[in-house]
């Protein structure tokens, strides 16, 4: 069961047994949940969507081993690209 869906958020707008953590990266919102029953999940949401229908998760899934390393690798590459922009 997804805790990231619009229906789940309507049923439990302020859940007491888990937190929805939001991380903004440009125009994407990463939502992370550590749910006591369903485990650790994430969702990617269009952060600057104009219409409510477009603010639902683009996709979601369970946190898997190695994702932290993959995201750090991406972060390092973004750092390199930012440095290249500053060097112009």
N, C-alpha and C. Protein backbone atom coordinates (compact mmCIF):
# COMPACT_ATOMS: atom_id res chain seq x y z
N UNK A 1 0.84 -1.18 0.00
CA UNK A 1 0.00 0.00 0.00
C UNK A 1 0.89 1.25 0.00
N UNK A 2 0.59 2.20 -0.87
CA UNK A 2 1.38 3.40 -0.94
C UNK A 2 0.88 4.46 0.03
N UNK A 3 1.79 5.03 0.79
CA UNK A 3 1.44 6.13 1.68
C UNK A 3 1.65 7.47 0.98
N UNK A 4 2.02 7.41 -0.31
CA UNK A 4 2.31 8.62 -1.08
C UNK A 4 1.15 9.07 -1.95
N UNK A 5 0.13 8.25 -2.10
CA UNK A 5 -0.96 8.59 -3.02
C UNK A 5 -1.80 9.74 -2.48
N UNK A 6 -2.51 10.38 -3.38
CA UNK A 6 -3.40 11.47 -3.00
C UNK A 6 -4.47 10.98 -2.03
N UNK A 7 -5.00 9.76 -2.29
CA UNK A 7 -6.03 9.20 -1.41
C UNK A 7 -5.48 8.93 -0.02
N UNK A 8 -4.24 8.40 0.05
CA UNK A 8 -3.63 8.14 1.36
C UNK A 8 -3.42 9.43 2.12
N UNK A 9 -3.01 10.48 1.41
CA UNK A 9 -2.79 11.77 2.07
C UNK A 9 -4.11 12.39 2.53
N UNK A 10 -5.18 12.14 1.78
CA UNK A 10 -6.50 12.65 2.19
C UNK A 10 -7.00 11.90 3.42
N UNK A 11 -6.77 10.57 3.45
CA UNK A 11 -7.22 9.77 4.60
C UNK A 11 -6.40 10.09 5.85
N UNK A 12 -5.10 10.34 5.67
CA UNK A 12 -4.19 10.57 6.80
C UNK A 12 -3.35 11.82 6.52
N UNK A 13 -3.96 13.00 6.57
CA UNK A 13 -3.21 14.22 6.24
C UNK A 13 -2.08 14.51 7.23
N UNK A 14 -2.22 14.09 8.47
CA UNK A 14 -1.19 14.32 9.48
C UNK A 14 -1.02 13.02 10.28
N UNK A 15 -0.35 12.02 9.69
CA UNK A 15 -0.24 10.72 10.35
C UNK A 15 0.54 10.82 11.65
N UNK A 16 0.14 10.00 12.63
CA UNK A 16 0.80 10.05 13.93
C UNK A 16 1.90 9.01 14.09
N UNK A 17 1.90 7.97 13.23
CA UNK A 17 2.89 6.91 13.43
C UNK A 17 4.04 6.94 12.41
N UNK A 18 4.05 7.93 11.49
CA UNK A 18 5.17 8.10 10.57
C UNK A 18 5.18 9.53 10.05
N UNK A 19 6.31 9.93 9.51
CA UNK A 19 6.46 11.27 8.95
C UNK A 19 6.66 11.18 7.44
N UNK A 20 6.15 12.16 6.75
CA UNK A 20 6.45 12.33 5.33
C UNK A 20 7.53 13.41 5.25
N UNK A 21 8.73 13.02 4.84
CA UNK A 21 9.82 13.99 4.71
C UNK A 21 9.90 14.44 3.26
N UNK A 22 9.99 15.74 3.06
CA UNK A 22 10.03 16.31 1.71
C UNK A 22 11.39 16.94 1.46
N UNK A 23 11.95 16.65 0.29
CA UNK A 23 13.23 17.22 -0.13
C UNK A 23 13.04 17.81 -1.51
N UNK A 24 13.23 19.13 -1.63
CA UNK A 24 13.08 19.81 -2.91
C UNK A 24 14.41 19.79 -3.66
N UNK A 25 14.37 19.34 -4.91
CA UNK A 25 15.53 19.36 -5.79
C UNK A 25 15.04 19.95 -7.11
N UNK A 26 15.39 21.22 -7.34
CA UNK A 26 14.91 21.94 -8.52
C UNK A 26 13.39 21.87 -8.56
N UNK A 27 12.82 21.30 -9.62
CA UNK A 27 11.35 21.25 -9.74
C UNK A 27 10.79 19.87 -9.37
N UNK A 28 11.57 19.06 -8.68
CA UNK A 28 11.11 17.74 -8.25
C UNK A 28 11.11 17.70 -6.72
N UNK A 29 10.07 17.14 -6.15
CA UNK A 29 10.00 16.91 -4.71
C UNK A 29 10.19 15.42 -4.46
N UNK A 30 11.16 15.09 -3.62
CA UNK A 30 11.35 13.71 -3.16
C UNK A 30 10.61 13.59 -1.84
N UNK A 31 9.72 12.64 -1.74
CA UNK A 31 9.00 12.38 -0.50
C UNK A 31 9.47 11.02 0.03
N UNK A 32 9.93 11.00 1.28
CA UNK A 32 10.46 9.78 1.89
C UNK A 32 9.61 9.46 3.12
N UNK A 33 9.24 8.17 3.26
CA UNK A 33 8.42 7.72 4.38
C UNK A 33 9.08 6.49 5.00
N UNK A 34 9.18 6.50 6.32
CA UNK A 34 9.62 5.31 7.07
C UNK A 34 8.40 4.81 7.82
N UNK A 35 7.61 3.98 7.16
CA UNK A 35 6.32 3.52 7.69
C UNK A 35 6.53 2.29 8.57
N UNK A 36 5.93 2.26 9.76
CA UNK A 36 6.14 1.13 10.66
C UNK A 36 5.61 -0.20 10.11
N UNK A 37 4.61 -0.15 9.24
CA UNK A 37 4.04 -1.39 8.70
C UNK A 37 4.51 -1.70 7.29
N UNK A 38 4.61 -0.68 6.44
CA UNK A 38 4.90 -0.91 5.03
C UNK A 38 6.36 -0.69 4.66
N UNK A 39 7.19 -0.23 5.58
CA UNK A 39 8.62 -0.08 5.33
C UNK A 39 9.01 1.29 4.82
N UNK A 40 10.21 1.36 4.27
CA UNK A 40 10.78 2.62 3.81
C UNK A 40 10.48 2.78 2.32
N UNK A 41 9.81 3.89 1.99
CA UNK A 41 9.42 4.13 0.60
C UNK A 41 9.79 5.55 0.20
N UNK A 42 9.76 5.79 -1.11
CA UNK A 42 10.01 7.13 -1.64
C UNK A 42 9.05 7.38 -2.78
N UNK A 43 8.88 8.66 -3.10
CA UNK A 43 8.08 9.04 -4.26
C UNK A 43 8.71 10.28 -4.87
N UNK A 44 8.59 10.40 -6.18
CA UNK A 44 9.02 11.60 -6.89
C UNK A 44 7.77 12.33 -7.36
N UNK A 45 7.69 13.62 -7.03
CA UNK A 45 6.51 14.43 -7.31
C UNK A 45 6.94 15.67 -8.05
N UNK A 46 6.17 16.07 -9.06
CA UNK A 46 6.45 17.32 -9.76
C UNK A 46 6.24 18.46 -8.77
N UNK A 47 7.32 19.11 -8.36
CA UNK A 47 7.27 20.08 -7.28
C UNK A 47 6.58 21.38 -7.60
N UNK A 48 6.64 21.83 -8.85
CA UNK A 48 6.06 23.11 -9.21
C UNK A 48 4.86 22.95 -10.13
N UNK A 49 4.17 21.83 -10.01
CA UNK A 49 3.01 21.58 -10.86
C UNK A 49 1.92 22.60 -10.55
N UNK A 50 1.29 23.10 -11.58
CA UNK A 50 0.26 24.12 -11.41
C UNK A 50 -1.07 23.53 -10.96
N UNK A 51 -1.37 22.32 -11.42
CA UNK A 51 -2.66 21.70 -11.15
C UNK A 51 -2.50 20.57 -10.15
N UNK A 52 -3.49 20.41 -9.27
CA UNK A 52 -3.44 19.37 -8.23
C UNK A 52 -3.26 17.98 -8.84
N UNK A 53 -3.88 17.72 -9.98
CA UNK A 53 -3.78 16.40 -10.60
C UNK A 53 -2.34 16.08 -10.98
N UNK A 54 -1.52 17.09 -11.19
CA UNK A 54 -0.13 16.88 -11.57
C UNK A 54 0.81 16.81 -10.37
N UNK A 55 0.27 17.00 -9.16
CA UNK A 55 1.11 16.95 -7.96
C UNK A 55 1.12 15.55 -7.33
N UNK A 56 0.49 14.60 -7.97
CA UNK A 56 0.56 13.24 -7.45
C UNK A 56 1.91 12.64 -7.84
N UNK A 57 2.32 11.59 -7.16
CA UNK A 57 3.63 11.00 -7.45
C UNK A 57 3.77 10.57 -8.90
N UNK A 58 4.91 10.92 -9.50
CA UNK A 58 5.22 10.43 -10.84
C UNK A 58 5.47 8.93 -10.76
N UNK A 59 6.15 8.52 -9.71
CA UNK A 59 6.30 7.11 -9.36
C UNK A 59 6.79 7.00 -7.93
N UNK A 60 6.63 5.82 -7.37
CA UNK A 60 7.07 5.57 -6.00
C UNK A 60 7.58 4.15 -5.90
N UNK A 61 8.30 3.86 -4.84
CA UNK A 61 8.82 2.52 -4.66
C UNK A 61 9.45 2.37 -3.29
N UNK A 62 9.93 1.19 -3.02
CA UNK A 62 10.60 0.91 -1.75
C UNK A 62 12.07 1.30 -1.84
N UNK A 63 12.62 1.79 -0.75
CA UNK A 63 14.04 2.09 -0.68
C UNK A 63 14.80 0.76 -0.73
N UNK A 64 15.79 0.68 -1.62
CA UNK A 64 16.56 -0.55 -1.80
C UNK A 64 18.03 -0.32 -1.48
N UNK A 65 18.72 -1.40 -1.17
CA UNK A 65 20.15 -1.32 -0.89
C UNK A 65 20.87 -0.71 -2.09
N UNK A 66 21.79 0.18 -1.81
CA UNK A 66 22.59 0.80 -2.87
C UNK A 66 22.06 2.12 -3.37
N UNK A 67 20.83 2.48 -3.01
CA UNK A 67 20.26 3.72 -3.52
C UNK A 67 21.01 4.94 -3.01
N UNK A 68 21.46 4.89 -1.76
CA UNK A 68 22.23 6.02 -1.22
C UNK A 68 23.49 6.26 -2.03
N UNK A 69 24.20 5.20 -2.36
CA UNK A 69 25.42 5.32 -3.16
C UNK A 69 25.10 5.86 -4.55
N UNK A 70 24.03 5.37 -5.15
CA UNK A 70 23.63 5.85 -6.48
C UNK A 70 23.29 7.33 -6.45
N UNK A 71 22.59 7.76 -5.41
CA UNK A 71 22.22 9.18 -5.30
C UNK A 71 23.44 10.05 -5.02
N UNK A 72 24.39 9.54 -4.21
CA UNK A 72 25.63 10.30 -3.98
C UNK A 72 26.42 10.44 -5.27
N UNK A 73 26.45 9.39 -6.09
CA UNK A 73 27.14 9.45 -7.38
C UNK A 73 26.50 10.52 -8.26
N UNK A 74 25.18 10.57 -8.27
CA UNK A 74 24.46 11.60 -9.02
C UNK A 74 24.78 12.98 -8.46
N UNK A 75 24.80 13.11 -7.13
CA UNK A 75 25.09 14.39 -6.50
C UNK A 75 26.49 14.87 -6.87
N UNK A 76 27.46 13.96 -6.89
CA UNK A 76 28.83 14.34 -7.27
C UNK A 76 28.87 14.83 -8.72
N UNK A 77 28.12 14.17 -9.59
CA UNK A 77 28.09 14.60 -10.99
C UNK A 77 27.43 15.97 -11.12
N UNK A 78 26.36 16.21 -10.38
CA UNK A 78 25.72 17.53 -10.41
C UNK A 78 26.69 18.59 -9.89
N UNK A 79 27.45 18.27 -8.83
CA UNK A 79 28.47 19.19 -8.33
C UNK A 79 29.48 19.55 -9.43
N UNK A 80 29.90 18.55 -10.19
CA UNK A 80 30.86 18.80 -11.29
C UNK A 80 30.25 19.72 -12.35
N UNK A 81 28.99 19.50 -12.68
CA UNK A 81 28.33 20.34 -13.67
C UNK A 81 28.13 21.76 -13.18
N UNK A 82 27.81 21.93 -11.88
CA UNK A 82 27.68 23.26 -11.30
C UNK A 82 29.02 23.99 -11.34
N UNK A 83 30.11 23.28 -11.02
CA UNK A 83 31.44 23.88 -11.05
C UNK A 83 31.80 24.31 -12.46
N UNK A 84 31.41 23.51 -13.44
CA UNK A 84 31.67 23.85 -14.85
C UNK A 84 30.91 25.13 -15.22
N UNK A 85 29.70 25.29 -14.72
CA UNK A 85 28.92 26.51 -15.00
C UNK A 85 29.58 27.73 -14.40
N UNK A 86 30.11 27.58 -13.19
CA UNK A 86 30.79 28.71 -12.53
C UNK A 86 32.06 29.10 -13.26
N UNK A 87 32.66 28.14 -13.95
CA UNK A 87 33.91 28.40 -14.66
C UNK A 87 33.74 29.08 -16.00
N UNK A 88 32.51 29.27 -16.41
CA UNK A 88 32.27 29.94 -17.72
C UNK A 88 32.74 31.35 -17.74
